[in-house]
Amino acid sequence: NISSPMYDCDPRTKFDLIKDKKDEVELEEYWPQLTSTEKVASQRQSFWKYQYE
């Protein structure tokens, strides 16, 4: 695996909360939000928002 910075990110792009429970469960399986409880993580999705923006 090779990691590289993303240079073409649009800084105006904003994160929309994931409302589809199936999508949220799948994302949580592969990219878990380890920074908060499951309930808080599901409501706020702050980790995913931080990573996206």
Protein backbone atom coordinates (compact mmCIF):
# COMPACT_ATOMS: atom_id res chain seq x y z
CA ASN A 1 0.00 0.00 0.00
CA ILE A 2 1.16 3.47 -0.83
CA SER A 3 -0.14 6.53 0.99
CA SER A 4 -0.11 9.93 -0.59
CA PRO A 5 -1.72 13.27 0.22
CA MET A 6 -4.83 14.32 -1.65
CA TYR A 7 -4.13 17.53 -3.51
CA ASP A 8 -7.39 18.02 -5.40
CA CYS A 9 -9.75 18.30 -2.44
CA ASP A 10 -12.28 21.08 -2.64
CA PRO A 11 -12.19 22.91 0.72
CA ARG A 12 -15.79 24.06 0.22
CA THR A 13 -17.07 20.47 0.26
CA LYS A 14 -19.04 19.73 3.41
CA PHE A 15 -19.85 16.42 5.05
CA ASP A 16 -23.50 15.31 5.13
CA LEU A 17 -24.51 12.98 7.95
CA ILE A 18 -25.01 9.42 6.80
CA LYS A 19 -28.70 8.72 7.28
CA ASP A 20 -28.96 5.27 5.70
CA LYS A 21 -28.38 2.82 8.56
CA LYS A 22 -27.07 0.14 6.18
CA ASP A 23 -24.40 2.51 4.85
CA GLU A 24 -23.50 3.58 8.38
CA VAL A 25 -23.10 -0.01 9.58
CA GLU A 26 -20.91 -0.88 6.60
CA LEU A 27 -18.73 2.19 7.07
CA GLU A 28 -18.43 1.48 10.80
CA GLU A 29 -17.26 -2.06 10.02
CA TYR A 30 -14.36 -0.91 7.85
CA TRP A 31 -13.65 2.56 9.30
CA PRO A 32 -14.77 2.55 12.95
CA GLN A 33 -15.19 5.72 14.98
CA LEU A 34 -13.06 4.84 17.99
CA THR A 35 -13.18 8.33 19.50
CA SER A 36 -16.62 8.10 21.13
CA THR A 37 -19.40 5.77 22.21
CA GLU A 38 -21.49 4.02 19.58
CA LYS A 39 -24.54 6.21 20.26
CA VAL A 40 -22.62 9.50 20.10
CA ALA A 41 -20.66 8.35 17.06
CA SER A 42 -23.88 7.47 15.24
CA GLN A 43 -25.54 10.80 16.05
CA ARG A 44 -22.65 13.17 15.39
CA GLN A 45 -20.34 11.21 13.08
CA SER A 46 -17.62 13.68 14.07
CA PHE A 47 -14.72 11.37 13.20
CA TRP A 48 -15.98 10.76 9.67
CA LYS A 49 -16.77 14.47 9.28
CA TYR A 50 -13.26 15.41 10.39
CA GLN A 51 -11.69 12.94 7.97
CA TYR A 52 -13.93 14.06 5.09
CA GLU A 53 -13.50 17.80 5.48
